Amino acid sequence: MEQKVTLVVSHEYRRAKRIIDFMSALSGIILLSPVFLIVALMIKLDSPKEKVIFVQTRTGLKNEPFQIFKFRSMRKSDQPGGARKHAYDWNDGVPDDFVFKSVSENDPEISPIGAFVRKFSLDEIPQLFNVLRGDMSLVGPRPEIPAITNLYSRAQQTRLLVKPGVTGWAQVNGRSNMNHGQKMVYDSYYVRKLSLKLDIQIIGMTVKQVLTGKDAV
């Protein structure tokens, strides 16, 4: 029988992380406002009938759902509200060899502008508003969809003990090039080693990846 995993986080770390998240997100929104405007304009010109911002339900801290914001990278979707349906029937947690792909790289619904913003992770920058609201942190495990997290084993639920992040330890060590088992190893490591030093290291590695477009999701 699996034991329930708990996490003890110091009040000082929690407070410092929230202050850094809030100030960084606010500063990022202000500094990147021209980028927000340009990307939004390009998406609107490419897909005039579609909304610029894609909204989807993801799982956050302690398994609580929230609405994540992304720039739209697809011209249309086969589901109301722009969300594709995912259904799984695993009995013992998410299989280690599972690799989540919402769309393939050659999906015809991905626009040329969408492919560009995905390559350089520009579709993710609206999540700064999620950080500002407190739904997410700058650094943490990437938030999954409820269809997956609802089937987590006790051990896999470890990654839900901290706020999800815009970037994380798993992303800077492989991003889209890893299966679920590998991702869980990195995310569990992050949860065990929580520190501002590790957060800063991850942010630095993320900037390098974004500038090179390496392993973009």
Protein backbone atom coordinates (compact mmCIF):
# COMPACT_ATOMS: atom_id res chain seq x y z
CA MET A 1 0.00 0.00 0.00
CA GLU A 2 1.35 3.41 -1.00
CA GLN A 3 2.02 5.94 1.73
CA LYS A 4 0.63 9.44 1.48
CA VAL A 5 3.37 11.93 0.59
CA THR A 6 3.58 15.16 2.60
CA LEU A 7 5.76 18.22 2.20
CA VAL A 8 7.01 20.71 4.77
CA VAL A 9 7.95 24.11 3.32
CA SER A 10 9.31 26.91 5.47
CA HIS A 11 7.21 30.05 5.80
CA GLU A 12 10.22 32.15 4.78
CA TYR A 13 10.70 30.25 1.51
CA ARG A 14 6.99 30.35 0.70
CA ARG A 15 6.79 34.10 1.35
CA ALA A 16 9.99 34.94 -0.54
CA LYS A 17 8.91 32.82 -3.51
CA ARG A 18 5.52 34.52 -3.70
CA ILE A 19 7.06 37.99 -3.53
CA ILE A 20 9.57 37.10 -6.26
CA ASP A 21 6.83 35.53 -8.38
CA PHE A 22 4.53 38.55 -8.07
CA MET A 23 7.20 41.18 -8.73
CA SER A 24 8.80 39.20 -11.58
CA ALA A 25 5.45 38.52 -13.25
CA LEU A 26 4.39 42.16 -12.96
CA SER A 27 7.73 43.37 -14.33
CA GLY A 28 7.63 40.78 -17.09
CA ILE A 29 4.14 41.81 -18.20
CA ILE A 30 5.20 45.46 -18.36
CA LEU A 31 8.52 44.83 -20.13
CA LEU A 32 7.05 42.30 -22.54
CA SER A 33 3.94 44.33 -23.34
CA PRO A 34 5.26 45.11 -26.88
CA VAL A 35 5.79 41.36 -27.42
CA PHE A 36 2.28 40.62 -26.14
CA LEU A 37 0.89 43.17 -28.59
CA ILE A 38 2.90 41.94 -31.60
CA VAL A 39 2.15 38.26 -31.02
CA ALA A 40 -1.55 38.98 -30.43
CA LEU A 41 -1.70 41.01 -33.64
CA MET A 42 0.02 38.28 -35.68
CA ILE A 43 -2.37 35.63 -34.35
CA LYS A 44 -5.41 37.81 -35.04
CA LEU A 45 -4.28 38.55 -38.59
CA ASP A 46 -3.63 34.86 -39.21
CA SER A 47 -6.91 33.67 -37.64
CA PRO A 48 -9.37 36.59 -37.55
CA LYS A 49 -12.29 34.49 -36.29
CA GLU A 50 -10.40 32.86 -33.42
CA LYS A 51 -9.70 34.21 -29.96
CA VAL A 52 -6.10 35.28 -29.35
CA ILE A 53 -5.90 33.67 -25.90
CA PHE A 54 -6.43 29.93 -25.43
CA VAL A 55 -7.88 28.99 -22.03
CA GLN A 56 -7.72 25.44 -20.67
CA THR A 57 -8.35 23.75 -17.32
CA ARG A 58 -5.21 22.41 -15.68
CA THR A 59 -4.46 20.91 -12.27
CA GLY A 60 -2.73 23.15 -9.75
CA LEU A 61 -1.55 23.04 -6.16
CA LYS A 62 -3.09 20.22 -4.10
CA ASN A 63 -5.02 18.94 -7.11
CA GLU A 64 -7.10 22.11 -7.42
CA PRO A 65 -8.14 23.03 -11.00
CA PHE A 66 -7.43 26.44 -12.51
CA GLN A 67 -7.64 28.11 -15.92
CA ILE A 68 -4.31 28.43 -17.70
CA PHE A 69 -3.69 31.14 -20.34
CA LYS A 70 -1.73 30.63 -23.55
CA PHE A 71 -1.48 32.39 -26.89
CA ARG A 72 -3.49 30.41 -29.43
CA SER A 73 -1.29 28.48 -31.85
CA MET A 74 -4.02 26.58 -33.72
CA ARG A 75 -6.47 27.92 -36.26
CA LYS A 76 -9.35 25.81 -35.00
CA SER A 77 -10.13 22.96 -32.66
CA ASP A 78 -12.45 19.98 -32.71
CA GLN A 79 -13.85 20.72 -29.24
CA PRO A 80 -15.99 23.59 -27.89
CA GLY A 81 -13.83 26.22 -26.24
CA GLY A 82 -10.70 25.08 -28.04
CA ALA A 83 -9.94 22.00 -25.89
CA ARG A 84 -9.36 18.54 -27.32
CA LYS A 85 -10.81 15.58 -25.49
CA HIS A 86 -8.42 13.24 -23.72
CA ALA A 87 -9.63 10.02 -22.12
CA TYR A 88 -7.45 7.47 -20.31
CA ASP A 89 -8.23 4.32 -18.34
CA TRP A 90 -5.05 3.51 -16.42
CA ASN A 91 -5.53 1.60 -13.17
CA ASP A 92 -2.17 1.97 -11.44
CA GLY A 93 -1.17 5.55 -12.13
CA VAL A 94 0.17 7.07 -15.32
CA PRO A 95 2.49 4.61 -17.14
CA ASP A 96 6.16 5.58 -17.15
CA ASP A 97 6.39 5.25 -20.93
CA PHE A 98 3.45 7.62 -21.56
CA VAL A 99 4.30 10.73 -23.61
CA PHE A 100 1.64 13.42 -23.78
CA LYS A 101 1.26 15.16 -27.12
CA SER A 102 -1.82 17.32 -27.59
CA VAL A 103 -1.02 17.72 -31.29
CA SER A 104 1.67 16.46 -33.61
CA GLU A 105 4.30 18.81 -34.97
CA ASN A 106 2.83 18.43 -38.46
CA ASP A 107 -0.79 18.95 -37.44
CA PRO A 108 -2.44 21.04 -40.19
CA GLU A 109 -4.37 23.01 -37.58
CA ILE A 110 -1.15 24.61 -36.31
CA SER A 111 -0.68 27.87 -38.16
CA PRO A 112 2.75 29.12 -39.34
CA ILE A 113 2.52 31.80 -36.66
CA GLY A 114 1.55 29.13 -34.15
CA ALA A 115 4.58 27.02 -35.06
CA PHE A 116 6.81 30.04 -34.54
CA VAL A 117 5.41 31.01 -31.14
CA ARG A 118 5.63 27.37 -30.00
CA LYS A 119 9.26 27.04 -31.09
CA PHE A 120 10.32 29.98 -28.94
CA SER A 121 7.73 29.34 -26.18
CA LEU A 122 6.01 32.66 -26.83
CA ASP A 123 2.67 30.91 -26.43
CA GLU A 124 3.51 30.48 -22.74
CA ILE A 125 4.07 34.12 -21.79
CA PRO A 126 0.39 34.86 -20.96
CA GLN A 127 0.98 32.53 -18.00
CA LEU A 128 2.65 35.50 -16.34
CA PHE A 129 -0.93 36.51 -15.53
CA ASN A 130 -1.45 33.09 -13.91
CA VAL A 131 1.64 33.77 -11.80
CA LEU A 132 0.37 37.24 -10.91
CA ARG A 133 -2.96 35.74 -9.78
CA GLY A 134 -1.24 33.08 -7.72
CA ASP A 135 -2.42 30.09 -9.77
CA MET A 136 1.15 29.31 -10.78
CA SER A 137 4.75 30.08 -9.88
CA LEU A 138 7.57 31.02 -12.23
CA VAL A 139 9.21 27.69 -11.37
CA GLY A 140 7.54 24.39 -10.61
CA PRO A 141 6.28 21.21 -12.27
CA ARG A 142 4.37 21.97 -15.47
CA PRO A 143 0.60 21.69 -14.90
CA GLU A 144 -1.12 18.69 -16.45
CA ILE A 145 -4.74 18.31 -17.55
CA PRO A 146 -7.17 16.78 -14.98
CA ALA A 147 -7.75 13.76 -17.26
CA ILE A 148 -4.17 12.74 -16.41
CA THR A 149 -3.74 13.96 -12.82
CA ASN A 150 -7.02 12.35 -11.71
CA LEU A 151 -5.35 8.99 -12.41
CA TYR A 152 -2.09 9.71 -10.58
CA SER A 153 -0.79 7.15 -8.11
CA ARG A 154 0.02 8.35 -4.57
CA ALA A 155 3.70 8.68 -5.48
CA GLN A 156 2.90 10.66 -8.65
CA GLN A 157 0.79 13.08 -6.61
CA THR A 158 4.06 14.37 -5.13
CA ARG A 159 4.35 16.87 -7.99
CA LEU A 160 1.02 18.41 -6.89
CA LEU A 161 2.42 19.43 -3.50
CA VAL A 162 3.85 22.64 -4.96
CA LYS A 163 2.41 25.23 -7.33
CA PRO A 164 2.84 24.40 -11.01
CA GLY A 165 5.33 26.53 -12.86
CA VAL A 166 5.81 28.34 -16.16
CA THR A 167 9.05 26.39 -16.32
CA GLY A 168 10.50 23.56 -14.27
CA TRP A 169 13.41 21.19 -13.61
CA ALA A 170 12.00 18.61 -16.03
CA GLN A 171 11.60 21.19 -18.81
CA VAL A 172 15.19 22.43 -18.63
CA ASN A 173 16.42 18.83 -18.68
CA GLY A 174 14.54 17.68 -21.73
CA ARG A 175 11.17 19.42 -22.15
CA SER A 176 9.29 17.49 -24.86
CA ASN A 177 11.96 14.81 -25.21
CA MET A 178 11.01 12.68 -22.21
CA ASN A 179 8.33 10.25 -21.12
CA HIS A 180 6.17 10.53 -18.01
CA GLY A 181 8.42 8.37 -15.86
CA GLN A 182 11.46 10.53 -16.61
CA LYS A 183 9.44 13.69 -15.97
CA MET A 184 8.29 12.36 -12.60
CA VAL A 185 11.92 11.73 -11.58
CA TYR A 186 12.85 15.36 -12.30
CA ASP A 187 9.70 16.81 -10.74
CA SER A 188 10.10 14.71 -7.59
CA TYR A 189 13.71 15.88 -7.32
CA TYR A 190 12.53 19.51 -7.53
CA VAL A 191 9.91 18.99 -4.80
CA ARG A 192 12.51 17.39 -2.50
CA LYS A 193 15.18 20.06 -3.14
CA LEU A 194 13.03 23.21 -3.03
CA SER A 195 15.21 26.31 -2.75
CA LEU A 196 15.51 29.78 -4.24
CA LYS A 197 18.95 28.81 -5.53
CA LEU A 198 17.47 25.96 -7.57
CA ASP A 199 14.68 28.24 -8.84
CA ILE A 200 17.23 30.79 -10.07
CA GLN A 201 19.24 28.04 -11.75
CA ILE A 202 16.14 26.80 -13.57
CA ILE A 203 15.20 30.30 -14.73
CA GLY A 204 18.71 30.80 -16.15
CA MET A 205 18.58 27.46 -17.99
CA THR A 206 15.10 28.32 -19.32
CA VAL A 207 16.27 31.63 -20.79
CA LYS A 208 19.06 29.80 -22.63
CA GLN A 209 16.63 27.22 -24.04
CA VAL A 210 14.08 29.82 -25.14
CA LEU A 211 16.72 31.88 -26.97
CA THR A 212 17.88 28.81 -28.89
CA GLY A 213 14.42 27.30 -29.39
CA LYS A 214 15.79 23.98 -28.08
CA ASP A 215 13.32 21.08 -27.60
CA ALA A 216 10.34 23.41 -27.83
CA VAL A 217 7.00 21.95 -26.78
